[in-house]
C-alpha atoms as a PDB file:
ATOM      1  CA  MET A   1     117.054 -41.721 103.441  1.00  0.00           C
ATOM      2  CA  LYS A   2     115.201 -44.935 102.590  1.00  0.00           C
ATOM      3  CA  LEU A   3     111.903 -43.032 102.485  1.00  0.00           C
ATOM      4  CA  LYS A   4     113.394 -40.483 100.090  1.00  0.00           C
ATOM      5  CA  LEU A   5     114.788 -43.249  97.891  1.00  0.00           C
ATOM      6  CA  ALA A   6     111.448 -45.105  97.893  1.00  0.00           C
ATOM      7  CA  LEU A   7     109.613 -41.897  97.025  1.00  0.00           C
ATOM      8  CA  LEU A   8     111.975 -41.111  94.152  1.00  0.00           C
ATOM      9  CA  LEU A   9     111.679 -44.679  92.851  1.00  0.00           C
ATOM     10  CA  ALA A  10     107.886 -44.502  93.016  1.00  0.00           C
ATOM     11  CA  ILE A  11     107.869 -41.229  91.114  1.00  0.00           C
ATOM     12  CA  GLY A  12     110.419 -42.497  88.621  1.00  0.00           C
ATOM     13  CA  TRP A  13     108.696 -45.785  87.978  1.00  0.00           C
ATOM     14  CA  HIS A  14     105.112 -44.779  87.808  1.00  0.00           C
ATOM     15  CA  ILE A  15     103.652 -41.359  87.242  1.00  0.00           C
ATOM     16  CA  CYS A  16      99.898 -41.362  86.858  1.00  0.00           C
ATOM     17  CA  MET A  17      98.083 -38.230  85.759  1.00  0.00           C
ATOM     18  CA  PRO A  18      94.486 -38.108  84.562  1.00  0.00           C
ATOM     19  CA  HIS A  19      93.565 -35.994  81.562  1.00  0.00           C
ATOM     20  CA  TYR A  20      90.355 -34.501  80.331  1.00  0.00           C
ATOM     21  CA  ALA A  21      91.035 -34.608  76.582  1.00  0.00           C
ATOM     22  CA  PHE A  22      91.333 -37.715  74.446  1.00  0.00           C
ATOM     23  CA  ALA A  23      93.080 -38.290  71.122  1.00  0.00           C
ATOM     24  CA  GLU A  24      91.459 -36.820  68.041  1.00  0.00           C
ATOM     25  CA  LYS A  25      88.759 -39.408  67.206  1.00  0.00           C
ATOM     26  CA  ALA A  26      88.563 -38.292  63.569  1.00  0.00           C
ATOM     27  CA  ASP A  27      92.113 -39.663  63.101  1.00  0.00           C
ATOM     28  CA  GLN A  28      90.729 -43.217  63.056  1.00  0.00           C
ATOM     29  CA  ASP A  29      88.944 -42.618  59.740  1.00  0.00           C
ATOM     30  CA  LYS A  30      91.777 -40.806  57.981  1.00  0.00           C
ATOM     31  CA  PRO A  31      94.096 -42.401  55.419  1.00  0.00           C
ATOM     32  CA  ILE A  32      97.795 -42.897  56.131  1.00  0.00           C
ATOM     33  CA  ILE A  33     100.072 -40.749  53.991  1.00  0.00           C
ATOM     34  CA  LEU A  34     103.623 -42.113  53.821  1.00  0.00           C
ATOM     35  CA  GLU A  35     106.807 -40.440  52.671  1.00  0.00           C
ATOM     36  CA  ALA A  36     110.231 -42.068  52.910  1.00  0.00           C
ATOM     37  CA  ASP A  37     113.347 -42.690  50.848  1.00  0.00           C
ATOM     38  CA  GLN A  38     112.174 -46.290  50.395  1.00  0.00           C
ATOM     39  CA  VAL A  39     108.772 -47.901  50.962  1.00  0.00           C
ATOM     40  CA  SER A  40     108.101 -51.638  50.600  1.00  0.00           C
ATOM     41  CA  VAL A  41     104.475 -52.761  50.591  1.00  0.00           C
ATOM     42  CA  ASP A  42     103.158 -56.261  51.215  1.00  0.00           C
ATOM     43  CA  ASP A  43      99.506 -55.667  50.417  1.00  0.00           C
ATOM     44  CA  VAL A  44      98.482 -59.252  51.228  1.00  0.00           C
ATOM     45  CA  LYS A  45      99.964 -59.205  54.750  1.00  0.00           C
ATOM     46  CA  GLN A  46      99.259 -55.457  55.184  1.00  0.00           C
ATOM     47  CA  ILE A  47     102.856 -54.694  56.189  1.00  0.00           C
ATOM     48  CA  TYR A  48     104.673 -51.540  55.127  1.00  0.00           C
ATOM     49  CA  ASP A  49     108.437 -51.203  55.616  1.00  0.00           C
ATOM     50  CA  LEU A  50     109.882 -47.696  55.549  1.00  0.00           C
ATOM     51  CA  ASP A  51     113.476 -46.526  55.307  1.00  0.00           C
ATOM     52  CA  GLY A  52     115.074 -43.074  55.340  1.00  0.00           C
ATOM     53  CA  GLN A  53     113.485 -39.735  56.251  1.00  0.00           C
ATOM     54  CA  ILE A  54     110.091 -41.130  57.212  1.00  0.00           C
ATOM     55  CA  LEU A  55     107.115 -38.807  57.405  1.00  0.00           C
ATOM     56  CA  LEU A  56     103.876 -40.544  58.319  1.00  0.00           C
ATOM     57  CA  THR A  57     100.648 -38.582  58.553  1.00  0.00           C
ATOM     58  CA  LYS A  58      97.217 -39.864  59.573  1.00  0.00           C
ATOM     59  CA  GLY A  59      94.811 -37.043  60.349  1.00  0.00           C
ATOM     60  CA  SER A  60      96.425 -35.060  63.153  1.00  0.00           C
ATOM     61  CA  ILE A  61      98.992 -37.799  63.871  1.00  0.00           C
ATOM     62  CA  VAL A  62     102.489 -37.080  62.546  1.00  0.00           C
ATOM     63  CA  VAL A  63     105.353 -39.562  63.061  1.00  0.00           C
ATOM     64  CA  THR A  64     108.912 -39.082  61.807  1.00  0.00           C
ATOM     65  CA  GLY A  65     112.024 -41.250  61.946  1.00  0.00           C
ATOM     66  CA  GLU A  66     114.564 -43.155  59.872  1.00  0.00           C
ATOM     67  CA  HIS A  67     113.458 -46.809  59.931  1.00  0.00           C
ATOM     68  CA  GLY A  68     110.040 -48.249  60.566  1.00  0.00           C
ATOM     69  CA  ASN A  69     107.134 -50.439  59.720  1.00  0.00           C
ATOM     70  CA  ILE A  70     103.384 -50.380  59.870  1.00  0.00           C
ATOM     71  CA  LYS A  71     101.186 -53.421  60.316  1.00  0.00           C
ATOM     72  CA  VAL A  72      97.454 -53.206  59.687  1.00  0.00           C
ATOM     73  CA  ASP A  73      95.269 -55.766  61.456  1.00  0.00           C
ATOM     74  CA  PRO A  74      92.144 -57.306  59.849  1.00  0.00           C
ATOM     75  CA  GLU A  75      89.961 -54.684  61.563  1.00  0.00           C
ATOM     76  CA  GLY A  76      91.983 -51.891  59.931  1.00  0.00           C
ATOM     77  CA  TYR A  77      93.908 -50.673  62.993  1.00  0.00           C
ATOM     78  CA  GLU A  78      97.536 -49.690  62.474  1.00  0.00           C
ATOM     79  CA  PHE A  79     100.497 -50.652  64.616  1.00  0.00           C
ATOM     80  CA  ILE A  80     103.270 -48.136  63.910  1.00  0.00           C
ATOM     81  CA  ASP A  81     106.887 -48.751  64.941  1.00  0.00           C
ATOM     82  CA  VAL A  82     109.427 -46.084  63.947  1.00  0.00           C
ATOM     83  CA  LYS A  83     113.062 -45.809  65.028  1.00  0.00           C
ATOM     84  CA  GLY A  84     115.374 -42.862  64.840  1.00  0.00           C
ATOM     85  CA  THR A  85     119.132 -42.579  64.556  1.00  0.00           C
ATOM     86  CA  PRO A  86     121.575 -40.543  66.651  1.00  0.00           C
ATOM     87  CA  GLU A  87     121.311 -37.831  63.990  1.00  0.00           C
ATOM     88  CA  ALA A  88     117.526 -37.978  63.527  1.00  0.00           C
ATOM     89  CA  ILE A  89     115.363 -39.012  66.478  1.00  0.00           C
ATOM     90  CA  ALA A  90     111.898 -40.518  66.117  1.00  0.00           C
ATOM     91  CA  THR A  91     109.019 -38.117  66.842  1.00  0.00           C
ATOM     92  CA  PHE A  92     105.260 -38.292  67.464  1.00  0.00           C
ATOM     93  CA  ARG A  93     102.612 -35.575  67.513  1.00  0.00           C
ATOM     94  CA  GLN A  94      98.811 -35.796  67.817  1.00  0.00           C
ATOM     95  CA  ARG A  95      96.063 -33.256  68.340  1.00  0.00           C
ATOM     96  CA  LYS A  96      93.812 -33.875  71.329  1.00  0.00           C
ATOM     97  CA  GLU A  97      90.043 -34.069  71.020  1.00  0.00           C
ATOM     98  CA  GLY A  98      88.116 -31.047  72.251  1.00  0.00           C
ATOM     99  CA  ILE A  99      90.344 -28.029  72.786  1.00  0.00           C
ATOM    100  CA  ALA A 100      91.455 -26.763  69.370  1.00  0.00           C
ATOM    101  CA  ASN A 101      95.166 -26.281  69.999  1.00  0.00           C
ATOM    102  CA  GLU A 102      96.047 -29.045  72.463  1.00  0.00           C
ATOM    103  CA  PHE A 103      98.659 -31.609  71.352  1.00  0.00           C
ATOM    104  CA  MET A 104     100.653 -34.546  72.686  1.00  0.00           C
ATOM    105  CA  GLN A 105     104.203 -34.371  71.335  1.00  0.00           C
ATOM    106  CA  GLY A 106     107.123 -36.674  72.033  1.00  0.00           C
ATOM    107  CA  HIS A 107     110.451 -37.961  70.805  1.00  0.00           C
ATOM    108  CA  GLY A 108     113.012 -40.652  71.528  1.00  0.00           C
ATOM    109  CA  ASN A 109     115.032 -43.407  69.903  1.00  0.00           C
ATOM    110  CA  GLN A 110     111.853 -45.364  69.104  1.00  0.00           C
ATOM    111  CA  VAL A 111     108.164 -44.472  68.811  1.00  0.00           C
ATOM    112  CA  ILE A 112     105.481 -47.161  68.886  1.00  0.00           C
ATOM    113  CA  TYR A 113     101.802 -46.307  68.436  1.00  0.00           C
ATOM    114  CA  ASP A 114      98.992 -48.847  68.536  1.00  0.00           C
ATOM    115  CA  ALA A 115      95.856 -47.291  67.018  1.00  0.00           C
ATOM    116  CA  LYS A 116      93.621 -50.071  68.361  1.00  0.00           C
ATOM    117  CA  THR A 117      94.546 -49.591  72.023  1.00  0.00           C
ATOM    118  CA  GLU A 118      95.563 -45.920  71.575  1.00  0.00           C
ATOM    119  CA  MET A 119      98.816 -46.682  73.402  1.00  0.00           C
ATOM    120  CA  LEU A 120     101.954 -44.641  72.692  1.00  0.00           C
ATOM    121  CA  ILE A 121     105.364 -45.944  73.807  1.00  0.00           C
ATOM    122  CA  ILE A 122     108.514 -43.861  73.435  1.00  0.00           C
ATOM    123  CA  THR A 123     111.858 -45.428  74.396  1.00  0.00           C
ATOM    124  CA  GLY A 124     115.456 -44.279  74.621  1.00  0.00           C
ATOM    125  CA  ASN A 125     115.957 -40.776  75.984  1.00  0.00           C
ATOM    126  CA  ALA A 126     112.194 -40.292  75.802  1.00  0.00           C
ATOM    127  CA  THR A 127     110.335 -37.008  76.188  1.00  0.00           C
ATOM    128  CA  LEU A 128     106.582 -36.441  76.071  1.00  0.00           C
ATOM    129  CA  LYS A 129     104.856 -33.068  76.329  1.00  0.00           C
ATOM    130  CA  ARG A 130     101.275 -31.901  76.464  1.00  0.00           C
ATOM    131  CA  LEU A 131     100.989 -28.532  74.740  1.00  0.00           C
ATOM    132  CA  LEU A 132      98.191 -25.978  74.642  1.00  0.00           C
ATOM    133  CA  ASN A 133      98.600 -23.114  72.164  1.00  0.00           C
ATOM    134  CA  MET A 134     102.246 -24.226  71.828  1.00  0.00           C
ATOM    135  CA  GLN A 135     102.850 -23.681  75.549  1.00  0.00           C
ATOM    136  CA  MET A 136     103.981 -26.674  77.569  1.00  0.00           C
ATOM    137  CA  LEU A 137     101.517 -27.844  80.194  1.00  0.00           C
ATOM    138  CA  ASP A 138     103.049 -31.207  81.121  1.00  0.00           C
ATOM    139  CA  GLN A 139     106.456 -32.684  80.352  1.00  0.00           C
ATOM    140  CA  LEU A 140     107.845 -36.127  81.093  1.00  0.00           C
ATOM    141  CA  LYS A 141     111.401 -37.359  80.599  1.00  0.00           C
ATOM    142  CA  GLY A 142     112.800 -40.820  81.129  1.00  0.00           C
ATOM    143  CA  TRP A 143     114.216 -43.898  79.477  1.00  0.00           C
ATOM    144  CA  LYS A 144     110.761 -45.187  78.503  1.00  0.00           C
ATOM    145  CA  ILE A 145     107.390 -43.427  78.547  1.00  0.00           C
ATOM    146  CA  GLU A 146     104.058 -45.141  78.042  1.00  0.00           C
ATOM    147  CA  TYR A 147     100.983 -43.014  77.411  1.00  0.00           C
ATOM    148  CA  ASP A 148      97.596 -44.720  77.425  1.00  0.00           C
ATOM    149  CA  ASP A 149      95.075 -42.364  75.845  1.00  0.00           C
ATOM    150  CA  VAL A 150      92.072 -44.545  76.711  1.00  0.00           C
ATOM    151  CA  LYS A 151      92.861 -44.825  80.442  1.00  0.00           C
ATOM    152  CA  GLN A 152      94.444 -41.362  80.390  1.00  0.00           C
ATOM    153  CA  TYR A 153      97.717 -42.001  82.192  1.00  0.00           C
ATOM    154  CA  TYR A 154     101.452 -41.607  81.829  1.00  0.00           C
ATOM    155  CA  HIS A 155     103.941 -44.232  82.957  1.00  0.00           C
ATOM    156  CA  VAL A 156     107.674 -43.466  83.113  1.00  0.00           C
ATOM    157  CA  ILE A 157     109.997 -46.472  83.372  1.00  0.00           C
ATOM    158  CA  PRO A 158     113.735 -46.457  84.135  1.00  0.00           C
ATOM    159  CA  PRO A 159     116.219 -48.744  82.360  1.00  0.00           C
ATOM    160  CA  ALA A 160     116.260 -52.348  83.597  1.00  0.00           C
ATOM    161  CA  ASP A 161     119.862 -51.963  84.811  1.00  0.00           C
ATOM    162  CA  ALA A 162     119.189 -48.737  86.752  1.00  0.00           C
ATOM    163  CA  LYS A 163     120.752 -48.299  90.185  1.00  0.00           C
ATOM    164  CA  PRO A 164     119.416 -46.200  93.074  1.00  0.00           C
ATOM    165  CA  ASP A 165     122.472 -43.925  92.696  1.00  0.00           C
ATOM    166  CA  ASP A 166     121.291 -43.042  89.176  1.00  0.00           C
ATOM    167  CA  LEU A 167     118.242 -41.153  90.483  1.00  0.00           C
ATOM    168  CA  PRO A 168     116.379 -39.234  89.295  1.00  0.00           C
ATOM    169  CA  LEU A 169     115.621 -41.588  86.410  1.00  0.00           C
ATOM    170  CA  ALA A 170     112.431 -39.793  85.503  1.00  0.00           C
ATOM    171  CA  ARG A 171     111.353 -36.202  85.609  1.00  0.00           C
ATOM    172  CA  ALA A 172     107.874 -34.740  85.368  1.00  0.00           C
ATOM    173  CA  ILE A 173     106.507 -31.230  85.211  1.00  0.00           C
ATOM    174  CA  LEU A 174     102.731 -31.354  85.641  1.00  0.00           C
ATOM    175  CA  SER A 175     100.512 -28.284  85.406  1.00  0.00           C
ATOM    176  CA  PRO A 176      97.586 -27.923  87.794  1.00  0.00           C
ATOM    177  CA  ARG A 177      94.208 -28.849  86.354  1.00  0.00           C
ATOM    178  CA  ARG A 178      91.626 -26.090  86.515  1.00  0.00           C
ATOM    179  CA  LYS A 179      88.240 -27.219  87.753  1.00  0.00           C
ATOM    180  CA  ALA A 180      85.262 -25.936  85.818  1.00  0.00           C
ATOM    181  CA  THR A 181      83.284 -23.404  87.772  1.00  0.00           C
ATOM    182  CA  LEU A 182      79.514 -23.666  87.780  1.00  0.00           C
ATOM    183  CA  GLU A 183      77.526 -20.502  87.320  1.00  0.00           C
ATOM    184  CA  LYS A 184      74.433 -20.104  89.458  1.00  0.00           C
END
């Protein structure tokens, strides 16, 4: 029983899965296009506050939500923090580099994306999927999901007040990776 509990906790707390495709590199050089009911811009501090029906587009990256802000560092990298509401969750979608129709797509109560570190964090009833031609390859569900595109791993974290009786706190469906065959 203890072994089963330890195994479920290990799976729930840390799911590592390597990937072969990275985020679309062309996204870094694209402008941000913002749509919202209200946008406040502090051009000196490079802070953008957004409220109501947010649609943020930067290349293949699309983020939606109800409340959010963007901070741009001196090097030009964006830190995006968007929250949803019970009626309208926050969402994230980005095309992967390489294969034409491969995307990372997720949603939750809050979406945070750091363009400098290429780290995506989704919290609150979080879901993250890897899609190819609109078919799901991988799917993660949990309270908090971290996806590091540089190191190519997923990390699913349960709530801080989780109890062993609450298991499973995380769920993953991971498709097998096909190895490239070499022709002789």
